[in-house]
Amino acid sequence: FTIAFNVSQPNTWQPYVDSMHHFLAAYDDKIQEEKNIE
């Protein structure tokens, strides 16, 4: 539960970004429109 990175060093924050994209893949607008209802 520690999120630590240096802004000037992309390699320190890129893993967090990749994790976020992976987690949100199921929430993509097109996927939600195809599978779920308003």
PDB file of all heavy atoms in Angstrom:
ATOM      1  N   PHE A   1       0.812  -1.212   0.000  1.00  0.00           N
ATOM      2  CA  PHE A   1       0.000   0.000   0.000  1.00  0.00           C
ATOM      3  C   PHE A   1       0.852   1.272   0.000  1.00  0.00           C
ATOM      4  O   PHE A   1       0.457   2.285   0.572  1.00  0.00           O
ATOM      5  CB  PHE A   1      -0.958  -0.020   1.192  1.00  0.00           C
ATOM      6  CG  PHE A   1      -1.981  -1.116   1.078  1.00  0.00           C
ATOM      7  CD1 PHE A   1      -1.789  -2.335   1.709  1.00  0.00           C
ATOM      8  CD2 PHE A   1      -3.120  -0.942   0.314  1.00  0.00           C
ATOM      9  CE1 PHE A   1      -2.714  -3.347   1.589  1.00  0.00           C
ATOM     10  CE2 PHE A   1      -4.055  -1.947   0.183  1.00  0.00           C
ATOM     11  CZ  PHE A   1      -3.852  -3.156   0.819  1.00  0.00           C
ATOM     12  N   THR A   2       2.002   1.182  -0.628  1.00  0.00           N
ATOM     13  CA  THR A   2       2.829   2.360  -0.851  1.00  0.00           C
ATOM     14  C   THR A   2       2.980   2.567  -2.352  1.00  0.00           C
ATOM     15  O   THR A   2       3.428   1.669  -3.074  1.00  0.00           O
ATOM     16  CB  THR A   2       4.221   2.203  -0.214  1.00  0.00           C
ATOM     17  OG1 THR A   2       4.083   2.103   1.214  1.00  0.00           O
ATOM     18  CG2 THR A   2       5.090   3.412  -0.531  1.00  0.00           C
ATOM     19  N   ILE A   3       2.567   3.749  -2.800  1.00  0.00           N
ATOM     20  CA  ILE A   3       2.719   4.105  -4.214  1.00  0.00           C
ATOM     21  C   ILE A   3       3.833   5.141  -4.284  1.00  0.00           C
ATOM     22  O   ILE A   3       3.666   6.283  -3.863  1.00  0.00           O
ATOM     23  CB  ILE A   3       1.394   4.647  -4.778  1.00  0.00           C
ATOM     24  CG1 ILE A   3       0.343   3.523  -4.764  1.00  0.00           C
ATOM     25  CG2 ILE A   3       1.587   5.198  -6.185  1.00  0.00           C
ATOM     26  CD1 ILE A   3      -1.024   3.949  -5.216  1.00  0.00           C
ATOM     27  N   ALA A   4       4.980   4.706  -4.766  1.00  0.00           N
ATOM     28  CA  ALA A   4       6.173   5.545  -4.759  1.00  0.00           C
ATOM     29  C   ALA A   4       6.779   5.599  -6.157  1.00  0.00           C
ATOM     30  O   ALA A   4       6.944   4.565  -6.817  1.00  0.00           O
ATOM     31  CB  ALA A   4       7.196   5.005  -3.760  1.00  0.00           C
ATOM     32  N   PHE A   5       7.085   6.801  -6.620  1.00  0.00           N
ATOM     33  CA  PHE A   5       7.708   6.962  -7.931  1.00  0.00           C
ATOM     34  C   PHE A   5       8.335   8.343  -8.040  1.00  0.00           C
ATOM     35  O   PHE A   5       8.035   9.245  -7.244  1.00  0.00           O
ATOM     36  CB  PHE A   5       6.677   6.763  -9.050  1.00  0.00           C
ATOM     37  CG  PHE A   5       5.542   7.750  -9.041  1.00  0.00           C
ATOM     38  CD1 PHE A   5       5.598   8.922  -9.796  1.00  0.00           C
ATOM     39  CD2 PHE A   5       4.414   7.527  -8.266  1.00  0.00           C
ATOM     40  CE1 PHE A   5       4.556   9.839  -9.789  1.00  0.00           C
ATOM     41  CE2 PHE A   5       3.360   8.437  -8.252  1.00  0.00           C
ATOM     42  CZ  PHE A   5       3.429   9.600  -9.008  1.00  0.00           C
ATOM     43  N   ASN A   6       9.210   8.497  -9.021  1.00  0.00           N
ATOM     44  CA  ASN A   6       9.800   9.790  -9.346  1.00  0.00           C
ATOM     45  C   ASN A   6       9.265  10.243 -10.699  1.00  0.00           C
ATOM     46  O   ASN A   6       9.333   9.495 -11.680  1.00  0.00           O
ATOM     47  CB  ASN A   6      11.332   9.702  -9.394  1.00  0.00           C
ATOM     48  CG  ASN A   6      11.938   9.458  -8.029  1.00  0.00           C
ATOM     49  OD1 ASN A   6      11.455   9.983  -7.028  1.00  0.00           O
ATOM     50  ND2 ASN A   6      12.980   8.636  -7.986  1.00  0.00           N
ATOM     51  N   VAL A   7       8.758  11.447 -10.741  1.00  0.00           N
ATOM     52  CA  VAL A   7       8.152  11.958 -11.972  1.00  0.00           C
ATOM     53  C   VAL A   7       9.155  11.939 -13.125  1.00  0.00           C
ATOM     54  O   VAL A   7       8.796  11.624 -14.271  1.00  0.00           O
ATOM     55  CB  VAL A   7       7.617  13.391 -11.745  1.00  0.00           C
ATOM     56  CG1 VAL A   7       7.065  13.978 -13.035  1.00  0.00           C
ATOM     57  CG2 VAL A   7       6.546  13.393 -10.659  1.00  0.00           C
ATOM     58  N   SER A   8      10.396  12.254 -12.849  1.00  0.00           N
ATOM     59  CA  SER A   8      11.416  12.366 -13.903  1.00  0.00           C
ATOM     60  C   SER A   8      11.946  11.016 -14.368  1.00  0.00           C
ATOM     61  O   SER A   8      12.749  10.958 -15.294  1.00  0.00           O
ATOM     62  CB  SER A   8      12.581  13.226 -13.408  1.00  0.00           C
ATOM     63  OG  SER A   8      13.159  12.655 -12.253  1.00  0.00           O
ATOM     64  N   GLN A   9      11.493   9.926 -13.732  1.00  0.00           N
ATOM     65  CA  GLN A   9      11.963   8.592 -14.092  1.00  0.00           C
ATOM     66  C   GLN A   9      10.763   7.720 -14.479  1.00  0.00           C
ATOM     67  O   GLN A   9      10.158   7.070 -13.618  1.00  0.00           O
ATOM     68  CB  GLN A   9      12.723   7.954 -12.927  1.00  0.00           C
ATOM     69  CG  GLN A   9      13.983   8.730 -12.526  1.00  0.00           C
ATOM     70  CD  GLN A   9      14.666   8.129 -11.317  1.00  0.00           C
ATOM     71  OE1 GLN A   9      14.025   7.766 -10.329  1.00  0.00           O
ATOM     72  NE2 GLN A   9      15.994   8.009 -11.408  1.00  0.00           N
ATOM     73  N   PRO A  10      10.403   7.694 -15.757  1.00  0.00           N
ATOM     74  CA  PRO A  10       9.228   6.947 -16.212  1.00  0.00           C
ATOM     75  C   PRO A  10       9.215   5.480 -15.806  1.00  0.00           C
ATOM     76  O   PRO A  10       8.137   4.903 -15.594  1.00  0.00           O
ATOM     77  CB  PRO A  10       9.281   7.095 -17.734  1.00  0.00           C
ATOM     78  CG  PRO A  10      10.023   8.376 -17.952  1.00  0.00           C
ATOM     79  CD  PRO A  10      11.054   8.432 -16.860  1.00  0.00           C
ATOM     80  N   ASN A  11      10.371   4.868 -15.689  1.00  0.00           N
ATOM     81  CA  ASN A  11      10.403   3.447 -15.329  1.00  0.00           C
ATOM     82  C   ASN A  11       9.871   3.210 -13.917  1.00  0.00           C
ATOM     83  O   ASN A  11       9.486   2.081 -13.577  1.00  0.00           O
ATOM     84  CB  ASN A  11      11.825   2.899 -15.454  1.00  0.00           C
ATOM     85  CG  ASN A  11      12.803   3.552 -14.482  1.00  0.00           C
ATOM     86  OD1 ASN A  11      12.963   4.786 -14.485  1.00  0.00           O
ATOM     87  ND2 ASN A  11      13.465   2.759 -13.654  1.00  0.00           N
ATOM     88  N   THR A  12       9.825   4.261 -13.082  1.00  0.00           N
ATOM     89  CA  THR A  12       9.320   4.092 -11.720  1.00  0.00           C
ATOM     90  C   THR A  12       7.798   4.178 -11.654  1.00  0.00           C
ATOM     91  O   THR A  12       7.190   3.627 -10.729  1.00  0.00           O
ATOM     92  CB  THR A  12       9.916   5.142 -10.762  1.00  0.00           C
ATOM     93  OG1 THR A  12       9.531   6.463 -11.185  1.00  0.00           O
ATOM     94  CG2 THR A  12      11.436   5.048 -10.740  1.00  0.00           C
ATOM     95  N   TRP A  13       7.174   4.876 -12.605  1.00  0.00           N
ATOM     96  CA  TRP A  13       5.708   4.984 -12.574  1.00  0.00           C
ATOM     97  C   TRP A  13       4.997   4.208 -13.664  1.00  0.00           C
ATOM     98  O   TRP A  13       3.784   3.982 -13.589  1.00  0.00           O
ATOM     99  CB  TRP A  13       5.246   6.440 -12.597  1.00  0.00           C
ATOM    100  CG  TRP A  13       5.843   7.355 -13.628  1.00  0.00           C
ATOM    101  CD1 TRP A  13       6.822   8.293 -13.423  1.00  0.00           C
ATOM    102  CD2 TRP A  13       5.484   7.475 -15.022  1.00  0.00           C
ATOM    103  NE1 TRP A  13       7.101   8.973 -14.594  1.00  0.00           N
ATOM    104  CE2 TRP A  13       6.290   8.496 -15.584  1.00  0.00           C
ATOM    105  CE3 TRP A  13       4.572   6.825 -15.836  1.00  0.00           C
ATOM    106  CZ2 TRP A  13       6.208   8.862 -16.933  1.00  0.00           C
ATOM    107  CZ3 TRP A  13       4.485   7.186 -17.178  1.00  0.00           C
ATOM    108  CH2 TRP A  13       5.290   8.189 -17.710  1.00  0.00           C
ATOM    109  N   GLN A  14       5.722   3.728 -14.667  1.00  0.00           N
ATOM    110  CA  GLN A  14       5.086   2.987 -15.757  1.00  0.00           C
ATOM    111  C   GLN A  14       4.370   1.708 -15.281  1.00  0.00           C
ATOM    112  O   GLN A  14       3.283   1.384 -15.792  1.00  0.00           O
ATOM    113  CB  GLN A  14       6.111   2.648 -16.829  1.00  0.00           C
ATOM    114  CG  GLN A  14       5.498   2.100 -18.123  1.00  0.00           C
ATOM    115  CD  GLN A  14       4.591   3.110 -18.800  1.00  0.00           C
ATOM    116  OE1 GLN A  14       4.963   4.272 -18.974  1.00  0.00           O
ATOM    117  NE2 GLN A  14       3.387   2.672 -19.181  1.00  0.00           N
ATOM    118  N   PRO A  15       4.922   0.957 -14.323  1.00  0.00           N
ATOM    119  CA  PRO A  15       4.187  -0.224 -13.850  1.00  0.00           C
ATOM    120  C   PRO A  15       2.808   0.107 -13.272  1.00  0.00           C
ATOM    121  O   PRO A  15       1.858  -0.663 -13.463  1.00  0.00           O
ATOM    122  CB  PRO A  15       5.110  -0.809 -12.775  1.00  0.00           C
ATOM    123  CG  PRO A  15       6.476  -0.353 -13.173  1.00  0.00           C
ATOM    124  CD  PRO A  15       6.284   1.021 -13.743  1.00  0.00           C
ATOM    125  N   TYR A  16       2.690   1.237 -12.601  1.00  0.00           N
ATOM    126  CA  TYR A  16       1.382   1.649 -12.089  1.00  0.00           C
ATOM    127  C   TYR A  16       0.418   1.956 -13.238  1.00  0.00           C
ATOM    128  O   TYR A  16      -0.759   1.582 -13.206  1.00  0.00           O
ATOM    129  CB  TYR A  16       1.516   2.877 -11.189  1.00  0.00           C
ATOM    130  CG  TYR A  16       2.345   2.663  -9.955  1.00  0.00           C
ATOM    131  CD1 TYR A  16       3.560   3.323  -9.776  1.00  0.00           C
ATOM    132  CD2 TYR A  16       1.914   1.810  -8.948  1.00  0.00           C
ATOM    133  CE1 TYR A  16       4.327   3.135  -8.637  1.00  0.00           C
ATOM    134  CE2 TYR A  16       2.668   1.610  -7.796  1.00  0.00           C
ATOM    135  CZ  TYR A  16       3.871   2.282  -7.650  1.00  0.00           C
ATOM    136  OH  TYR A  16       4.627   2.088  -6.514  1.00  0.00           O
ATOM    137  N   VAL A  17       0.922   2.629 -14.251  1.00  0.00           N
ATOM    138  CA  VAL A  17       0.108   2.977 -15.416  1.00  0.00           C
ATOM    139  C   VAL A  17      -0.357   1.715 -16.143  1.00  0.00           C
ATOM    140  O   VAL A  17      -1.538   1.581 -16.492  1.00  0.00           O
ATOM    141  CB  VAL A  17       0.905   3.894 -16.367  1.00  0.00           C
ATOM    142  CG1 VAL A  17       0.154   4.088 -17.678  1.00  0.00           C
ATOM    143  CG2 VAL A  17       1.178   5.234 -15.701  1.00  0.00           C
ATOM    144  N   ASP A  18       0.552   0.771 -16.336  1.00  0.00           N
ATOM    145  CA  ASP A  18       0.199  -0.478 -17.004  1.00  0.00           C
ATOM    146  C   ASP A  18      -0.868  -1.237 -16.210  1.00  0.00           C
ATOM    147  O   ASP A  18      -1.803  -1.812 -16.793  1.00  0.00           O
ATOM    148  CB  ASP A  18       1.434  -1.358 -17.185  1.00  0.00           C
ATOM    149  CG  ASP A  18       2.442  -0.759 -18.158  1.00  0.00           C
ATOM    150  OD1 ASP A  18       2.048   0.126 -18.950  1.00  0.00           O
ATOM    151  OD2 ASP A  18       3.618  -1.167 -18.119  1.00  0.00           O
ATOM    152  N   SER A  19      -0.729  -1.242 -14.905  1.00  0.00           N
ATOM    153  CA  SER A  19      -1.702  -1.920 -14.049  1.00  0.00           C
ATOM    154  C   SER A  19      -3.081  -1.281 -14.170  1.00  0.00           C
ATOM    155  O   SER A  19      -4.105  -1.981 -14.221  1.00  0.00           O
ATOM    156  CB  SER A  19      -1.229  -1.882 -12.592  1.00  0.00           C
ATOM    157  OG  SER A  19      -2.199  -2.437 -11.725  1.00  0.00           O
ATOM    158  N   MET A  20      -3.123   0.037 -14.244  1.00  0.00           N
ATOM    159  CA  MET A  20      -4.393   0.746 -14.371  1.00  0.00           C
ATOM    160  C   MET A  20      -5.072   0.415 -15.701  1.00  0.00           C
ATOM    161  O   MET A  20      -6.286   0.157 -15.754  1.00  0.00           O
ATOM    162  CB  MET A  20      -4.155   2.245 -14.254  1.00  0.00           C
ATOM    163  CG  MET A  20      -3.731   2.709 -12.873  1.00  0.00           C
ATOM    164  SD  MET A  20      -5.115   2.862 -11.732  1.00  0.00           S
ATOM    165  CE  MET A  20      -5.710   4.501 -12.157  1.00  0.00           C
ATOM    166  N   HIS A  21      -4.308   0.417 -16.788  1.00  0.00           N
ATOM    167  CA  HIS A  21      -4.881   0.098 -18.097  1.00  0.00           C
ATOM    168  C   HIS A  21      -5.418  -1.335 -18.127  1.00  0.00           C
ATOM    169  O   HIS A  21      -6.484  -1.602 -18.689  1.00  0.00           O
ATOM    170  CB  HIS A  21      -3.847   0.296 -19.200  1.00  0.00           C
ATOM    171  CG  HIS A  21      -3.691   1.719 -19.638  1.00  0.00           C
ATOM    172  ND1 HIS A  21      -4.709   2.422 -20.260  1.00  0.00           N
ATOM    173  CD2 HIS A  21      -2.646   2.583 -19.533  1.00  0.00           C
ATOM    174  CE1 HIS A  21      -4.294   3.650 -20.528  1.00  0.00           C
ATOM    175  NE2 HIS A  21      -3.053   3.777 -20.094  1.00  0.00           N
ATOM    176  N   HIS A  22      -4.668  -2.240 -17.534  1.00  0.00           N
ATOM    177  CA  HIS A  22      -5.095  -3.638 -17.492  1.00  0.00           C
ATOM    178  C   HIS A  22      -6.396  -3.781 -16.699  1.00  0.00           C
ATOM    179  O   HIS A  22      -7.332  -4.472 -17.136  1.00  0.00           O
ATOM    180  CB  HIS A  22      -3.994  -4.500 -16.873  1.00  0.00           C
ATOM    181  CG  HIS A  22      -4.355  -5.951 -16.748  1.00  0.00           C
ATOM    182  ND1 HIS A  22      -4.391  -6.806 -17.828  1.00  0.00           N
ATOM    183  CD2 HIS A  22      -4.731  -6.685 -15.661  1.00  0.00           C
ATOM    184  CE1 HIS A  22      -4.756  -8.010 -17.419  1.00  0.00           C
ATOM    185  NE2 HIS A  22      -4.974  -7.961 -16.113  1.00  0.00           N
ATOM    186  N   PHE A  23      -6.460  -3.125 -15.564  1.00  0.00           N
ATOM    187  CA  PHE A  23      -7.651  -3.229 -14.716  1.00  0.00           C
ATOM    188  C   PHE A  23      -8.876  -2.627 -15.401  1.00  0.00           C
ATOM    189  O   PHE A  23      -9.987  -3.155 -15.298  1.00  0.00           O
ATOM    190  CB  PHE A  23      -7.397  -2.520 -13.381  1.00  0.00           C
ATOM    191  CG  PHE A  23      -8.583  -2.508 -12.471  1.00  0.00           C
ATOM    192  CD1 PHE A  23      -8.999  -3.659 -11.816  1.00  0.00           C
ATOM    193  CD2 PHE A  23      -9.313  -1.342 -12.263  1.00  0.00           C
ATOM    194  CE1 PHE A  23     -10.100  -3.650 -10.979  1.00  0.00           C
ATOM    195  CE2 PHE A  23     -10.413  -1.316 -11.436  1.00  0.00           C
ATOM    196  CZ  PHE A  23     -10.808  -2.481 -10.788  1.00  0.00           C
ATOM    197  N   LEU A  24      -8.694  -1.516 -16.108  1.00  0.00           N
ATOM    198  CA  LEU A  24      -9.821  -0.808 -16.717  1.00  0.00           C
ATOM    199  C   LEU A  24     -10.223  -1.349 -18.083  1.00  0.00           C
ATOM    200  O   LEU A  24     -11.185  -0.842 -18.673  1.00  0.00           O
ATOM    201  CB  LEU A  24      -9.497   0.690 -16.831  1.00  0.00           C
ATOM    202  CG  LEU A  24      -9.502   1.474 -15.522  1.00  0.00           C
ATOM    203  CD1 LEU A  24      -9.031   2.905 -15.762  1.00  0.00           C
ATOM    204  CD2 LEU A  24     -10.895   1.473 -14.893  1.00  0.00           C
ATOM    205  N   ALA A  25      -9.536  -2.369 -18.577  1.00  0.00           N
ATOM    206  CA  ALA A  25      -9.875  -2.916 -19.893  1.00  0.00           C
ATOM    207  C   ALA A  25     -11.330  -3.365 -19.960  1.00  0.00           C
ATOM    208  O   ALA A  25     -12.024  -3.148 -20.962  1.00  0.00           O
ATOM    209  CB  ALA A  25      -8.934  -4.066 -20.235  1.00  0.00           C
ATOM    210  N   ALA A  26     -11.828  -3.969 -18.886  1.00  0.00           N
ATOM    211  CA  ALA A  26     -13.217  -4.444 -18.861  1.00  0.00           C
ATOM    212  C   ALA A  26     -14.216  -3.299 -18.803  1.00  0.00           C
ATOM    213  O   ALA A  26     -15.419  -3.510 -19.022  1.00  0.00           O
ATOM    214  CB  ALA A  26     -13.424  -5.373 -17.662  1.00  0.00           C
ATOM    215  N   TYR A  27     -13.735  -2.093 -18.514  1.00  0.00           N
ATOM    216  CA  TYR A  27     -14.610  -0.928 -18.405  1.00  0.00           C
ATOM    217  C   TYR A  27     -14.625  -0.083 -19.689  1.00  0.00           C
ATOM    218  O   TYR A  27     -15.259   0.965 -19.711  1.00  0.00           O
ATOM    219  CB  TYR A  27     -14.170  -0.041 -17.236  1.00  0.00           C
ATOM    220  CG  TYR A  27     -14.384  -0.655 -15.874  1.00  0.00           C
ATOM    221  CD1 TYR A  27     -13.437  -1.517 -15.319  1.00  0.00           C
ATOM    222  CD2 TYR A  27     -15.527  -0.369 -15.129  1.00  0.00           C
ATOM    223  CE1 TYR A  27     -13.627  -2.076 -14.061  1.00  0.00           C
ATOM    224  CE2 TYR A  27     -15.721  -0.921 -13.873  1.00  0.00           C
ATOM    225  CZ  TYR A  27     -14.767  -1.776 -13.344  1.00  0.00           C
ATOM    226  OH  TYR A  27     -14.964  -2.331 -12.100  1.00  0.00           O
ATOM    227  N   ASP A  28     -13.924  -0.532 -20.721  1.00  0.00           N
ATOM    228  CA  ASP A  28     -13.920   0.216 -21.976  1.00  0.00           C
ATOM    229  C   ASP A  28     -15.350   0.484 -22.430  1.00  0.00           C
ATOM    230  O   ASP A  28     -16.214  -0.403 -22.339  1.00  0.00           O
ATOM    231  CB  ASP A  28     -13.167  -0.555 -23.060  1.00  0.00           C
ATOM    232  CG  ASP A  28     -11.656  -0.456 -22.890  1.00  0.00           C
ATOM    233  OD1 ASP A  28     -11.196   0.401 -22.121  1.00  0.00           O
ATOM    234  OD2 ASP A  28     -10.939  -1.247 -23.538  1.00  0.00           O
ATOM    235  N   ASP A  29     -15.590   1.670 -22.938  1.00  0.00           N
ATOM    236  CA  ASP A  29     -16.949   2.075 -23.284  1.00  0.00           C
ATOM    237  C   ASP A  29     -17.616   1.100 -24.246  1.00  0.00           C
ATOM    238  O   ASP A  29     -18.791   0.742 -24.085  1.00  0.00           O
ATOM    239  CB  ASP A  29     -16.936   3.476 -23.888  1.00  0.00           C
ATOM    240  CG  ASP A  29     -16.665   4.552 -22.836  1.00  0.00           C
ATOM    241  OD1 ASP A  29     -16.109   4.221 -21.770  1.00  0.00           O
ATOM    242  OD2 ASP A  29     -17.023   5.718 -23.081  1.00  0.00           O
ATOM    243  N   LYS A  30     -16.897   0.661 -25.268  1.00  0.00           N
ATOM    244  CA  LYS A  30     -17.487  -0.242 -26.259  1.00  0.00           C
ATOM    245  C   LYS A  30     -17.876  -1.578 -25.635  1.00  0.00           C
ATOM    246  O   LYS A  30     -18.930  -2.144 -25.946  1.00  0.00           O
ATOM    247  CB  LYS A  30     -16.507  -0.462 -27.419  1.00  0.00           C
ATOM    248  CG  LYS A  30     -16.344   0.747 -28.329  1.00  0.00           C
ATOM    249  CD  LYS A  30     -15.443   0.419 -29.508  1.00  0.00           C
ATOM    250  CE  LYS A  30     -15.330   1.621 -30.439  1.00  0.00           C
ATOM    251  NZ  LYS A  30     -14.441   1.336 -31.607  1.00  0.00           N
ATOM    252  N   ILE A  31     -17.030  -2.089 -24.763  1.00  0.00           N
ATOM    253  CA  ILE A  31     -17.326  -3.361 -24.101  1.00  0.00           C
ATOM    254  C   ILE A  31     -18.560  -3.225 -23.219  1.00  0.00           C
ATOM    255  O   ILE A  31     -19.448  -4.094 -23.219  1.00  0.00           O
ATOM    256  CB  ILE A  31     -16.112  -3.837 -23.276  1.00  0.00           C
ATOM    257  CG1 ILE A  31     -14.959  -4.216 -24.203  1.00  0.00           C
ATOM    258  CG2 ILE A  31     -16.488  -5.017 -22.388  1.00  0.00           C
ATOM    259  CD1 ILE A  31     -13.689  -4.606 -23.483  1.00  0.00           C
ATOM    260  N   GLN A  32     -18.650  -2.126 -22.482  1.00  0.00           N
ATOM    261  CA  GLN A  32     -19.802  -1.911 -21.613  1.00  0.00           C
ATOM    262  C   GLN A  32     -21.091  -1.755 -22.427  1.00  0.00           C
ATOM    263  O   GLN A  32     -22.150  -2.257 -22.044  1.00  0.00           O
ATOM    264  CB  GLN A  32     -19.574  -0.675 -20.739  1.00  0.00           C
ATOM    265  CG  GLN A  32     -18.554  -0.879 -19.634  1.00  0.00           C
ATOM    266  CD  GLN A  32     -19.014  -1.869 -18.582  1.00  0.00           C
ATOM    267  OE1 GLN A  32     -20.130  -1.776 -18.085  1.00  0.00           O
ATOM    268  NE2 GLN A  32     -18.162  -2.824 -18.246  1.00  0.00           N
ATOM    269  N   GLU A  33     -21.016  -1.066 -23.551  1.00  0.00           N
ATOM    270  CA  GLU A  33     -22.198  -0.879 -24.399  1.00  0.00           C
ATOM    271  C   GLU A  33     -22.666  -2.195 -25.008  1.00  0.00           C
ATOM    272  O   GLU A  33     -23.872  -2.401 -25.198  1.00  0.00           O
ATOM    273  CB  GLU A  33     -21.892   0.134 -25.498  1.00  0.00           C
ATOM    274  CG  GLU A  33     -21.749   1.564 -24.988  1.00  0.00           C
ATOM    275  CD  GLU A  33     -21.189   2.506 -26.038  1.00  0.00           C
ATOM    276  OE1 GLU A  33     -20.913   2.032 -27.168  1.00  0.00           O
ATOM    277  OE2 GLU A  33     -21.012   3.700 -25.738  1.00  0.00           O
ATOM    278  N   GLU A  34     -21.736  -3.079 -25.311  1.00  0.00           N
ATOM    279  CA  GLU A  34     -22.088  -4.365 -25.906  1.00  0.00           C
ATOM    280  C   GLU A  34     -22.685  -5.327 -24.883  1.00  0.00           C
ATOM    281  O   GLU A  34     -23.629  -6.057 -25.186  1.00  0.00           O
ATOM    282  CB  GLU A  34     -20.854  -5.004 -26.540  1.00  0.00           C
ATOM    283  CG  GLU A  34     -20.342  -4.293 -27.788  1.00  0.00           C
ATOM    284  CD  GLU A  34     -19.021  -4.859 -28.264  1.00  0.00           C
ATOM    285  OE1 GLU A  34     -18.499  -5.786 -27.608  1.00  0.00           O
ATOM    286  OE2 GLU A  34     -18.495  -4.365 -29.285  1.00  0.00           O
ATOM    287  N   LYS A  35     -22.136  -5.332 -23.660  1.00  0.00           N
ATOM    288  CA  LYS A  35     -22.515  -6.351 -22.680  1.00  0.00           C
ATOM    289  C   LYS A  35     -23.597  -5.900 -21.699  1.00  0.00           C
ATOM    290  O   LYS A  35     -24.389  -6.730 -21.232  1.00  0.00           O
ATOM    291  CB  LYS A  35     -21.274  -6.796 -21.886  1.00  0.00           C
ATOM    292  CG  LYS A  35     -20.255  -7.574 -22.707  1.00  0.00           C
ATOM    293  CD  LYS A  35     -19.142  -8.086 -21.808  1.00  0.00           C
ATOM    294  CE  LYS A  35     -18.171  -8.968 -22.579  1.00  0.00           C
ATOM    295  NZ  LYS A  35     -17.108  -9.526 -21.702  1.00  0.00           N
ATOM    296  N   ASN A  36     -23.626  -4.615 -21.378  1.00  0.00           N
ATOM    297  CA  ASN A  36     -24.492  -4.149 -20.302  1.00  0.00           C
ATOM    298  C   ASN A  36     -25.491  -3.105 -20.771  1.00  0.00           C
ATOM    299  O   ASN A  36     -25.413  -2.605 -21.887  1.00  0.00           O
ATOM    300  CB  ASN A  36     -23.641  -3.623 -19.143  1.00  0.00           C
ATOM    301  CG  ASN A  36     -22.770  -4.708 -18.529  1.00  0.00           C
ATOM    302  OD1 ASN A  36     -23.137  -5.882 -18.549  1.00  0.00           O
ATOM    303  ND2 ASN A  36     -21.630  -4.332 -18.002  1.00  0.00           N
ATOM    304  N   ILE A  37     -26.420  -2.759 -19.905  1.00  0.00           N
ATOM    305  CA  ILE A  37     -27.505  -1.857 -20.268  1.00  0.00           C
ATOM    306  C   ILE A  37     -27.371  -0.523 -19.547  1.00  0.00           C
ATOM    307  O   ILE A  37     -26.693  -0.411 -18.518  1.00  0.00           O
ATOM    308  CB  ILE A  37     -28.874  -2.486 -19.937  1.00  0.00           C
ATOM    309  CG1 ILE A  37     -29.038  -2.682 -18.421  1.00  0.00           C
ATOM    310  CG2 ILE A  37     -29.065  -3.814 -20.668  1.00  0.00           C
ATOM    311  CD1 ILE A  37     -30.430  -3.092 -17.995  1.00  0.00           C
ATOM    312  N   GLU A  38     -28.041   0.479 -20.093  1.00  0.00           N
ATOM    313  CA  GLU A  38     -28.117   1.770 -19.413  1.00  0.00           C
ATOM    314  C   GLU A  38     -29.203   1.689 -18.348  1.00  0.00           C
ATOM    315  O   GLU A  38     -30.305   1.227 -18.619  1.00  0.00           O
ATOM    316  CB  GLU A  38     -28.441   2.884 -20.408  1.00  0.00           C
ATOM    317  CG  GLU A  38     -27.310   3.195 -21.372  1.00  0.00           C
ATOM    318  CD  GLU A  38     -27.608   4.434 -22.204  1.00  0.00           C
ATOM    319  OE1 GLU A  38     -28.270   5.349 -21.671  1.00  0.00           O
ATOM    320  OE2 GLU A  38     -27.183   4.482 -23.362  1.00  0.00           O
TER     321      GLU A  38
END
